[in-house]
PDB file of N, CA and C in Angstrom:
ATOM      1  N   MET A   1     107.826 108.505 131.350  1.00  0.00           N
ATOM      2  CA  MET A   1     107.043 107.304 131.068  1.00  0.00           C
ATOM      3  C   MET A   1     107.686 106.531 129.928  1.00  0.00           C
ATOM      4  N   LYS A   2     107.546 105.247 129.950  1.00  0.00           N
ATOM      5  CA  LYS A   2     108.105 104.368 128.926  1.00  0.00           C
ATOM      6  C   LYS A   2     107.015 103.918 127.956  1.00  0.00           C
ATOM      7  N   ILE A   3     107.419 103.806 126.698  1.00  0.00           N
ATOM      8  CA  ILE A   3     106.575 103.224 125.655  1.00  0.00           C
ATOM      9  C   ILE A   3     107.345 102.031 125.114  1.00  0.00           C
ATOM     10  N   ILE A   4     106.713 100.873 125.101  1.00  0.00           N
ATOM     11  CA  ILE A   4     107.320  99.672 124.541  1.00  0.00           C
ATOM     12  C   ILE A   4     106.689  99.479 123.160  1.00  0.00           C
ATOM     13  N   ALA A   5     107.490  99.689 122.119  1.00  0.00           N
ATOM     14  CA  ALA A   5     106.974  99.636 120.749  1.00  0.00           C
ATOM     15  C   ALA A   5     107.612  98.482 119.993  1.00  0.00           C
ATOM     16  N   THR A   6     106.781  97.749 119.279  1.00  0.00           N
ATOM     17  CA  THR A   6     107.248  96.686 118.398  1.00  0.00           C
ATOM     18  C   THR A   6     107.141  97.208 116.970  1.00  0.00           C
ATOM     19  N   ASP A   7     108.263  97.143 116.239  1.00  0.00           N
ATOM     20  CA  ASP A   7     108.233  97.627 114.859  1.00  0.00           C
ATOM     21  C   ASP A   7     107.707  96.529 113.934  1.00  0.00           C
ATOM     22  N   ARG A   8     107.673  96.812 112.643  1.00  0.00           N
ATOM     23  CA  ARG A   8     107.105  95.867 111.675  1.00  0.00           C
ATOM     24  C   ARG A   8     107.960  94.628 111.474  1.00  0.00           C
ATOM     25  N   LYS A   9     109.214  94.655 111.920  1.00  0.00           N
ATOM     26  CA  LYS A   9     110.080  93.479 111.838  1.00  0.00           C
ATOM     27  C   LYS A   9     109.953  92.605 113.088  1.00  0.00           C
ATOM     28  N   GLY A  10     109.237  93.104 114.097  1.00  0.00           N
ATOM     29  CA  GLY A  10     109.088  92.368 115.344  1.00  0.00           C
ATOM     30  C   GLY A  10     110.107  92.755 116.402  1.00  0.00           C
ATOM     31  N   ASP A  11     110.940  93.778 116.105  1.00  0.00           N
ATOM     32  CA  ASP A  11     111.938  94.224 117.078  1.00  0.00           C
ATOM     33  C   ASP A  11     111.282  95.135 118.110  1.00  0.00           C
ATOM     34  N   LEU A  12     111.708  94.970 119.365  1.00  0.00           N
ATOM     35  CA  LEU A  12     111.182  95.779 120.468  1.00  0.00           C
ATOM     36  C   LEU A  12     112.043  97.010 120.697  1.00  0.00           C
ATOM     37  N   HIS A  13     111.366  98.119 120.989  1.00  0.00           N
ATOM     38  CA  HIS A  13     112.045  99.374 121.276  1.00  0.00           C
ATOM     39  C   HIS A  13     111.440  99.954 122.555  1.00  0.00           C
ATOM     40  N   THR A  14     112.270 100.301 123.520  1.00  0.00           N
ATOM     41  CA  THR A  14     111.806 100.974 124.720  1.00  0.00           C
ATOM     42  C   THR A  14     112.117 102.450 124.556  1.00  0.00           C
ATOM     43  N   LEU A  15     111.071 103.256 124.531  1.00  0.00           N
ATOM     44  CA  LEU A  15     111.204 104.681 124.254  1.00  0.00           C
ATOM     45  C   LEU A  15     110.780 105.499 125.462  1.00  0.00           C
ATOM     46  N   GLU A  16     111.380 106.633 125.609  1.00  0.00           N
ATOM     47  CA  GLU A  16     111.024 107.546 126.693  1.00  0.00           C
ATOM     48  C   GLU A  16     109.957 108.506 126.182  1.00  0.00           C
ATOM     49  N   GLY A  17     108.762 108.425 126.769  1.00  0.00           N
ATOM     50  CA  GLY A  17     107.687 109.329 126.398  1.00  0.00           C
ATOM     51  C   GLY A  17     107.876 110.679 127.067  1.00  0.00           C
ATOM     52  N   ARG A  18     107.211 111.667 126.535  1.00  0.00           N
ATOM     53  CA  ARG A  18     107.255 113.008 127.119  1.00  0.00           C
ATOM     54  C   ARG A  18     105.827 113.414 127.449  1.00  0.00           C
ATOM     55  N   ASP A  19     105.607 113.793 128.685  1.00  0.00           N
ATOM     56  CA  ASP A  19     104.273 114.160 129.148  1.00  0.00           C
ATOM     57  C   ASP A  19     103.650 115.189 128.207  1.00  0.00           C
ATOM     58  N   GLY A  20     102.444 114.885 127.737  1.00  0.00           N
ATOM     59  CA  GLY A  20     101.724 115.783 126.851  1.00  0.00           C
ATOM     60  C   GLY A  20     101.983 115.577 125.373  1.00  0.00           C
ATOM     61  N   TRP A  21     103.032 114.829 125.017  1.00  0.00           N
ATOM     62  CA  TRP A  21     103.314 114.525 123.620  1.00  0.00           C
ATOM     63  C   TRP A  21     102.452 113.342 123.198  1.00  0.00           C
ATOM     64  N   SER A  22     102.229 113.206 121.903  1.00  0.00           N
ATOM     65  CA  SER A  22     101.504 112.033 121.412  1.00  0.00           C
ATOM     66  C   SER A  22     102.482 110.868 121.244  1.00  0.00           C
ATOM     67  N   VAL A  23     101.952 109.669 121.327  1.00  0.00           N
ATOM     68  CA  VAL A  23     102.768 108.484 121.080  1.00  0.00           C
ATOM     69  C   VAL A  23     103.343 108.547 119.668  1.00  0.00           C
ATOM     70  N   MET A  24     102.575 109.069 118.712  1.00  0.00           N
ATOM     71  CA  MET A  24     103.066 109.209 117.341  1.00  0.00           C
ATOM     72  C   MET A  24     104.337 110.043 117.288  1.00  0.00           C
ATOM     73  N   GLU A  25     104.373 111.154 118.020  1.00  0.00           N
ATOM     74  CA  GLU A  25     105.558 112.015 118.022  1.00  0.00           C
ATOM     75  C   GLU A  25     106.776 111.274 118.571  1.00  0.00           C
ATOM     76  N   ILE A  26     106.562 110.469 119.599  1.00  0.00           N
ATOM     77  CA  ILE A  26     107.663 109.713 120.202  1.00  0.00           C
ATOM     78  C   ILE A  26     108.167 108.645 119.230  1.00  0.00           C
ATOM     79  N   LEU A  27     107.246 107.926 118.589  1.00  0.00           N
ATOM     80  CA  LEU A  27     107.630 106.897 117.616  1.00  0.00           C
ATOM     81  C   LEU A  27     108.393 107.523 116.451  1.00  0.00           C
ATOM     82  N   ARG A  28     107.869 108.604 115.914  1.00  0.00           N
ATOM     83  CA  ARG A  28     108.490 109.292 114.766  1.00  0.00           C
ATOM     84  C   ARG A  28     109.877 109.815 115.137  1.00  0.00           C
ATOM     85  N   ASP A  29     109.986 110.468 116.291  1.00  0.00           N
ATOM     86  CA  ASP A  29     111.278 111.033 116.707  1.00  0.00           C
ATOM     87  C   ASP A  29     112.315 109.955 116.982  1.00  0.00           C
ATOM     88  N   ALA A  30     111.863 108.733 117.281  1.00  0.00           N
ATOM     89  CA  ALA A  30     112.778 107.615 117.507  1.00  0.00           C
ATOM     90  C   ALA A  30     113.205 106.964 116.192  1.00  0.00           C
ATOM     91  N   GLY A  31     112.671 107.460 115.078  1.00  0.00           N
ATOM     92  CA  GLY A  31     113.042 106.927 113.774  1.00  0.00           C
ATOM     93  C   GLY A  31     112.284 105.679 113.376  1.00  0.00           C
ATOM     94  N   LEU A  32     111.200 105.383 114.080  1.00  0.00           N
ATOM     95  CA  LEU A  32     110.400 104.210 113.721  1.00  0.00           C
ATOM     96  C   LEU A  32     109.513 104.550 112.521  1.00  0.00           C
ATOM     97  N   PRO A  33     109.130 103.531 111.740  1.00  0.00           N
ATOM     98  CA  PRO A  33     108.428 103.771 110.475  1.00  0.00           C
ATOM     99  C   PRO A  33     106.950 104.133 110.635  1.00  0.00           C
ATOM    100  N   VAL A  34     106.711 105.326 111.145  1.00  0.00           N
ATOM    101  CA  VAL A  34     105.355 105.855 111.267  1.00  0.00           C
ATOM    102  C   VAL A  34     105.273 107.043 110.317  1.00  0.00           C
ATOM    103  N   ALA A  35     104.490 106.927 109.259  1.00  0.00           N
ATOM    104  CA  ALA A  35     104.452 107.985 108.247  1.00  0.00           C
ATOM    105  C   ALA A  35     103.884 109.289 108.810  1.00  0.00           C
ATOM    106  N   ALA A  36     102.792 109.178 109.557  1.00  0.00           N
ATOM    107  CA  ALA A  36     102.170 110.367 110.168  1.00  0.00           C
ATOM    108  C   ALA A  36     102.023 111.494 109.153  1.00  0.00           C
ATOM    109  N   GLU A  37     101.438 111.176 108.017  1.00  0.00           N
ATOM    110  CA  GLU A  37     101.362 112.111 106.899  1.00  0.00           C
ATOM    111  C   GLU A  37     100.625 113.401 107.231  1.00  0.00           C
ATOM    112  N   CYS A  38      99.662 113.351 108.142  1.00  0.00           N
ATOM    113  CA  CYS A  38      98.909 114.567 108.469  1.00  0.00           C
ATOM    114  C   CYS A  38      99.541 115.333 109.627  1.00  0.00           C
ATOM    115  N   GLY A  39     100.621 114.805 110.167  1.00  0.00           N
ATOM    116  CA  GLY A  39     101.315 115.494 111.250  1.00  0.00           C
ATOM    117  C   GLY A  39     100.621 115.419 112.596  1.00  0.00           C
ATOM    118  N   GLY A  40      99.676 114.528 112.725  1.00  0.00           N
ATOM    119  CA  GLY A  40      99.004 114.352 114.011  1.00  0.00           C
ATOM    120  C   GLY A  40      97.662 115.030 114.111  1.00  0.00           C
ATOM    121  N   ALA A  41      97.079 115.395 112.970  1.00  0.00           N
ATOM    122  CA  ALA A  41      95.800 116.104 112.958  1.00  0.00           C
ATOM    123  C   ALA A  41      94.592 115.174 112.892  1.00  0.00           C
ATOM    124  N   CYS A  42      94.812 113.872 113.005  1.00  0.00           N
ATOM    125  CA  CYS A  42      93.732 112.879 112.920  1.00  0.00           C
ATOM    126  C   CYS A  42      93.028 112.975 111.566  1.00  0.00           C
ATOM    127  N   ALA A  43      93.829 113.183 110.512  1.00  0.00           N
ATOM    128  CA  ALA A  43      93.281 113.326 109.163  1.00  0.00           C
ATOM    129  C   ALA A  43      93.798 112.242 108.218  1.00  0.00           C
ATOM    130  N   CYS A  44      94.452 111.232 108.763  1.00  0.00           N
ATOM    131  CA  CYS A  44      94.896 110.080 107.982  1.00  0.00           C
ATOM    132  C   CYS A  44      94.992 108.916 108.964  1.00  0.00           C
ATOM    133  N   ALA A  45      95.428 107.788 108.517  1.00  0.00           N
ATOM    134  CA  ALA A  45      95.567 106.650 109.431  1.00  0.00           C
ATOM    135  C   ALA A  45      96.972 106.061 109.331  1.00  0.00           C
ATOM    136  N   THR A  46      97.938 106.876 108.914  1.00  0.00           N
ATOM    137  CA  THR A  46      99.285 106.369 108.686  1.00  0.00           C
ATOM    138  C   THR A  46     100.113 106.232 109.965  1.00  0.00           C
ATOM    139  N   CYS A  47      99.502 106.499 111.107  1.00  0.00           N
ATOM    140  CA  CYS A  47     100.193 106.301 112.392  1.00  0.00           C
ATOM    141  C   CYS A  47      99.500 105.219 113.208  1.00  0.00           C
ATOM    142  N   GLN A  48      98.729 104.366 112.532  1.00  0.00           N
ATOM    143  CA  GLN A  48      97.973 103.324 113.226  1.00  0.00           C
ATOM    144  C   GLN A  48      98.898 102.379 113.999  1.00  0.00           C
ATOM    145  N   VAL A  49      98.485 102.072 115.213  1.00  0.00           N
ATOM    146  CA  VAL A  49      99.177 101.077 116.031  1.00  0.00           C
ATOM    147  C   VAL A  49      98.139 100.122 116.598  1.00  0.00           C
ATOM    148  N   TYR A  50      98.633  98.956 116.988  1.00  0.00           N
ATOM    149  CA  TYR A  50      97.814  98.010 117.736  1.00  0.00           C
ATOM    150  C   TYR A  50      98.240  98.154 119.192  1.00  0.00           C
ATOM    151  N   VAL A  51      97.293  98.503 120.034  1.00  0.00           N
ATOM    152  CA  VAL A  51      97.576  98.660 121.451  1.00  0.00           C
ATOM    153  C   VAL A  51      97.438  97.296 122.107  1.00  0.00           C
ATOM    154  N   ASP A  52      98.401  96.951 122.947  1.00  0.00           N
ATOM    155  CA  ASP A  52      98.346  95.688 123.671  1.00  0.00           C
ATOM    156  C   ASP A  52      97.008  95.628 124.419  1.00  0.00           C
ATOM    157  N   PRO A  53      96.316  94.482 124.364  1.00  0.00           N
ATOM    158  CA  PRO A  53      94.999  94.379 124.998  1.00  0.00           C
ATOM    159  C   PRO A  53      94.972  94.807 126.471  1.00  0.00           C
ATOM    160  N   GLU A  54      96.047  94.564 127.212  1.00  0.00           N
ATOM    161  CA  GLU A  54      96.036  94.957 128.627  1.00  0.00           C
ATOM    162  C   GLU A  54      96.027  96.473 128.804  1.00  0.00           C
ATOM    163  N   TRP A  55      96.369  97.218 127.755  1.00  0.00           N
ATOM    164  CA  TRP A  55      96.412  98.683 127.815  1.00  0.00           C
ATOM    165  C   TRP A  55      95.234  99.335 127.116  1.00  0.00           C
ATOM    166  N   TYR A  56      94.607  98.629 126.199  1.00  0.00           N
ATOM    167  CA  TYR A  56      93.584  99.230 125.345  1.00  0.00           C
ATOM    168  C   TYR A  56      92.466  99.911 126.146  1.00  0.00           C
ATOM    169  N   ASP A  57      91.928  99.230 127.134  1.00  0.00           N
ATOM    170  CA  ASP A  57      90.799  99.780 127.897  1.00  0.00           C
ATOM    171  C   ASP A  57      91.203 100.911 128.830  1.00  0.00           C
ATOM    172  N   ARG A  58      92.493 101.129 128.999  1.00  0.00           N
ATOM    173  CA  ARG A  58      92.958 102.237 129.848  1.00  0.00           C
ATOM    174  C   ARG A  58      92.992 103.567 129.086  1.00  0.00           C
ATOM    175  N   LEU A  59      92.845 103.488 127.762  1.00  0.00           N
ATOM    176  CA  LEU A  59      92.885 104.701 126.940  1.00  0.00           C
ATOM    177  C   LEU A  59      91.518 105.375 126.914  1.00  0.00           C
ATOM    178  N   PRO A  60      91.513 106.705 126.722  1.00  0.00           N
ATOM    179  CA  PRO A  60      90.219 107.374 126.524  1.00  0.00           C
ATOM    180  C   PRO A  60      89.545 106.819 125.269  1.00  0.00           C
ATOM    181  N   PRO A  61      88.230 106.871 125.216  1.00  0.00           N
ATOM    182  CA  PRO A  61      87.532 106.369 124.025  1.00  0.00           C
ATOM    183  C   PRO A  61      87.954 107.118 122.765  1.00  0.00           C
ATOM    184  N   LYS A  62      87.796 106.436 121.625  1.00  0.00           N
ATOM    185  CA  LYS A  62      88.093 107.059 120.332  1.00  0.00           C
ATOM    186  C   LYS A  62      87.100 108.188 120.060  1.00  0.00           C
ATOM    187  N   SER A  63      87.601 109.237 119.457  1.00  0.00           N
ATOM    188  CA  SER A  63      86.716 110.311 118.988  1.00  0.00           C
ATOM    189  C   SER A  63      86.034 109.833 117.704  1.00  0.00           C
ATOM    190  N   ASP A  64      84.995 110.556 117.286  1.00  0.00           N
ATOM    191  CA  ASP A  64      84.336 110.226 116.019  1.00  0.00           C
ATOM    192  C   ASP A  64      85.324 110.342 114.865  1.00  0.00           C
ATOM    193  N   ALA A  65      86.193 111.358 114.898  1.00  0.00           N
ATOM    194  CA  ALA A  65      87.176 111.555 113.827  1.00  0.00           C
ATOM    195  C   ALA A  65      88.144 110.380 113.753  1.00  0.00           C
ATOM    196  N   GLU A  66      88.594 109.897 114.910  1.00  0.00           N
ATOM    197  CA  GLU A  66      89.509 108.756 114.911  1.00  0.00           C
ATOM    198  C   GLU A  66      88.803 107.510 114.383  1.00  0.00           C
ATOM    199  N   THR A  67      87.583 107.293 114.802  1.00  0.00           N
ATOM    200  CA  THR A  67      86.805 106.149 114.317  1.00  0.00           C
ATOM    201  C   THR A  67      86.652 106.212 112.802  1.00  0.00           C
ATOM    202  N   ASP A  68      86.347 107.400 112.275  1.00  0.00           N
ATOM    203  CA  ASP A  68      86.196 107.568 110.821  1.00  0.00           C
ATOM    204  C   ASP A  68      87.499 107.252 110.087  1.00  0.00           C
ATOM    205  N   MET A  69      88.628 107.706 110.618  1.00  0.00           N
ATOM    206  CA  MET A  69      89.924 107.454 109.976  1.00  0.00           C
ATOM    207  C   MET A  69      90.245 105.958 110.003  1.00  0.00           C
ATOM    208  N   LEU A  70      89.979 105.308 111.113  1.00  0.00           N
ATOM    209  CA  LEU A  70      90.248 103.869 111.201  1.00  0.00           C
ATOM    210  C   LEU A  70      89.330 103.072 110.271  1.00  0.00           C
ATOM    211  N   ASP A  71      88.120 103.590 110.014  1.00  0.00           N
ATOM    212  CA  ASP A  71      87.209 102.918 109.083  1.00  0.00           C
ATOM    213  C   ASP A  71      87.787 102.866 107.673  1.00  0.00           C
ATOM    214  N   MET A  72      88.691 103.795 107.351  1.00  0.00           N
ATOM    215  CA  MET A  72      89.292 103.844 106.019  1.00  0.00           C
ATOM    216  C   MET A  72      90.677 103.207 105.974  1.00  0.00           C
ATOM    217  N   ALA A  73      91.181 102.777 107.121  1.00  0.00           N
ATOM    218  CA  ALA A  73      92.539 102.226 107.197  1.00  0.00           C
ATOM    219  C   ALA A  73      92.550 100.757 106.785  1.00  0.00           C
ATOM    220  N   ILE A  74      93.767 100.266 106.488  1.00  0.00           N
ATOM    221  CA  ILE A  74      93.917  98.847 106.187  1.00  0.00           C
ATOM    222  C   ILE A  74      94.401  98.116 107.437  1.00  0.00           C
ATOM    223  N   ALA A  75      94.178  96.826 107.466  1.00  0.00           N
ATOM    224  CA  ALA A  75      94.666  95.949 108.542  1.00  0.00           C
ATOM    225  C   ALA A  75      94.222  96.412 109.922  1.00  0.00           C
ATOM    226  N   VAL A  76      92.998  96.911 110.020  1.00  0.00           N
ATOM    227  CA  VAL A  76      92.474  97.365 111.311  1.00  0.00           C
ATOM    228  C   VAL A  76      92.137  96.150 112.166  1.00  0.00           C
ATOM    229  N   GLU A  77      92.540  96.213 113.422  1.00  0.00           N
ATOM    230  CA  GLU A  77      92.287  95.162 114.404  1.00  0.00           C
ATOM    231  C   GLU A  77      91.418  95.742 115.522  1.00  0.00           C
ATOM    232  N   PRO A  78      90.850  94.891 116.376  1.00  0.00           N
ATOM    233  CA  PRO A  78      90.014  95.405 117.469  1.00  0.00           C
ATOM    234  C   PRO A  78      90.743  96.384 118.403  1.00  0.00           C
ATOM    235  N   THR A  79      92.058  96.281 118.494  1.00  0.00           N
ATOM    236  CA  THR A  79      92.801  97.176 119.383  1.00  0.00           C
ATOM    237  C   THR A  79      93.535  98.280 118.617  1.00  0.00           C
ATOM    238  N   SER A  80      93.116  98.538 117.378  1.00  0.00           N
ATOM    239  CA  SER A  80      93.741  99.601 116.592  1.00  0.00           C
ATOM    240  C   SER A  80      93.402 100.969 117.161  1.00  0.00           C
ATOM    241  N   ARG A  81      94.414 101.824 117.196  1.00  0.00           N
ATOM    242  CA  ARG A  81      94.244 103.237 117.535  1.00  0.00           C
ATOM    243  C   ARG A  81      95.203 104.035 116.680  1.00  0.00           C
ATOM    244  N   LEU A  82      94.928 105.313 116.527  1.00  0.00           N
ATOM    245  CA  LEU A  82      95.860 106.213 115.874  1.00  0.00           C
ATOM    246  C   LEU A  82      96.798 106.734 116.951  1.00  0.00           C
ATOM    247  N   SER A  83      98.093 106.542 116.742  1.00  0.00           N
ATOM    248  CA  SER A  83      99.044 106.914 117.788  1.00  0.00           C
ATOM    249  C   SER A  83      99.089 108.424 118.018  1.00  0.00           C
ATOM    250  N   CYS A  84      98.606 109.207 117.055  1.00  0.00           N
ATOM    251  CA  CYS A  84      98.550 110.664 117.263  1.00  0.00           C
ATOM    252  C   CYS A  84      97.472 111.042 118.265  1.00  0.00           C
ATOM    253  N   GLN A  85      96.575 110.107 118.559  1.00  0.00           N
ATOM    254  CA  GLN A  85      95.472 110.387 119.473  1.00  0.00           C
ATOM    255  C   GLN A  85      95.700 109.817 120.869  1.00  0.00           C
ATOM    256  N   ILE A  86      96.883 109.240 121.092  1.00  0.00           N
ATOM    257  CA  ILE A  86      97.244 108.724 122.416  1.00  0.00           C
ATOM    258  C   ILE A  86      98.253 109.695 123.010  1.00  0.00           C
ATOM    259  N   THR A  87      97.879 110.343 124.083  1.00  0.00           N
ATOM    260  CA  THR A  87      98.737 111.337 124.720  1.00  0.00           C
ATOM    261  C   THR A  87      99.522 110.699 125.856  1.00  0.00           C
ATOM    262  N   CYS A  88     100.824 110.925 125.844  1.00  0.00           N
ATOM    263  CA  CYS A  88     101.688 110.408 126.904  1.00  0.00           C
ATOM    264  C   CYS A  88     101.283 111.015 128.245  1.00  0.00           C
ATOM    265  N   ALA A  89     101.155 110.161 129.236  1.00  0.00           N
ATOM    266  CA  ALA A  89     100.803 110.587 130.590  1.00  0.00           C
ATOM    267  C   ALA A  89     101.329 109.533 131.557  1.00  0.00           C
ATOM    268  N   PRO A  90     101.578 109.911 132.804  1.00  0.00           N
ATOM    269  CA  PRO A  90     102.135 108.954 133.774  1.00  0.00           C
ATOM    270  C   PRO A  90     101.337 107.655 133.892  1.00  0.00           C
ATOM    271  N   GLU A  91     100.020 107.732 133.765  1.00  0.00           N
ATOM    272  CA  GLU A  91      99.201 106.518 133.917  1.00  0.00           C
ATOM    273  C   GLU A  91      99.375 105.538 132.755  1.00  0.00           C
ATOM    274  N   LEU A  92     100.058 105.962 131.696  1.00  0.00           N
ATOM    275  CA  LEU A  92     100.325 105.069 130.564  1.00  0.00           C
ATOM    276  C   LEU A  92     101.770 104.568 130.565  1.00  0.00           C
ATOM    277  N   ASP A  93     102.466 104.728 131.672  1.00  0.00           N
ATOM    278  CA  ASP A  93     103.854 104.270 131.766  1.00  0.00           C
ATOM    279  C   ASP A  93     103.928 102.773 131.498  1.00  0.00           C
ATOM    280  N   GLY A  94     104.677 102.395 130.470  1.00  0.00           N
ATOM    281  CA  GLY A  94     104.828 100.990 130.107  1.00  0.00           C
ATOM    282  C   GLY A  94     103.888 100.523 129.018  1.00  0.00           C
ATOM    283  N   ILE A  95     103.104 101.432 128.445  1.00  0.00           N
ATOM    284  CA  ILE A  95     102.160 101.043 127.390  1.00  0.00           C
ATOM    285  C   ILE A  95     102.894 100.316 126.266  1.00  0.00           C
ATOM    286  N   LYS A  96     102.241  99.294 125.735  1.00  0.00           N
ATOM    287  CA  LYS A  96     102.816  98.492 124.656  1.00  0.00           C
ATOM    288  C   LYS A  96     101.996  98.685 123.396  1.00  0.00           C
ATOM    289  N   VAL A  97     102.689  99.021 122.308  1.00  0.00           N
ATOM    290  CA  VAL A  97     102.031  99.198 121.014  1.00  0.00           C
ATOM    291  C   VAL A  97     102.853  98.493 119.936  1.00  0.00           C
ATOM    292  N   THR A  98     102.171  98.109 118.877  1.00  0.00           N
ATOM    293  CA  THR A  98     102.816  97.515 117.704  1.00  0.00           C
ATOM    294  C   THR A  98     102.437  98.362 116.501  1.00  0.00           C
ATOM    295  N   ILE A  99     103.431  98.740 115.718  1.00  0.00           N
ATOM    296  CA  ILE A  99     103.172  99.553 114.536  1.00  0.00           C
ATOM    297  C   ILE A  99     102.459  98.691 113.496  1.00  0.00           C
ATOM    298  N   ALA A 100     101.325  99.176 113.008  1.00  0.00           N
ATOM    299  CA  ALA A 100     100.520  98.441 112.034  1.00  0.00           C
ATOM    300  C   ALA A 100     101.212  98.424 110.670  1.00  0.00           C
ATOM    301  N   PRO A 101     100.850  97.452 109.814  1.00  0.00           N
ATOM    302  CA  PRO A 101     101.426  97.410 108.463  1.00  0.00           C
ATOM    303  C   PRO A 101     101.080  98.686 107.701  1.00  0.00           C
ATOM    304  N   GLU A 102     101.911  98.993 106.699  1.00  0.00           N
ATOM    305  CA  GLU A 102     101.664 100.184 105.883  1.00  0.00           C
ATOM    306  C   GLU A 102     100.459  99.982 105.007  1.00  0.00           C
TER     307      GLU A 102
END
């Protein structure tokens, strides 16, 4: 599956996702600026991304923990999600995300 990621400079990156991995892991392994300070435990918001509106409703709903973390994050938008909580799967092939400001 492909992930189309826009970095903070506005540059586009097409990344190869791995089934069962989180989008955060793919972004981090590609060297994109995702701090992911908690390592994907949904205990921080340093992997926040903006999901393209055409993809947002295709994702599973946010957990209470993810909602709580986003409540404490900066620059939260209506399509904000934690990339550690988005699992790569064939139905998300082509998902578009933008890395949120630090």
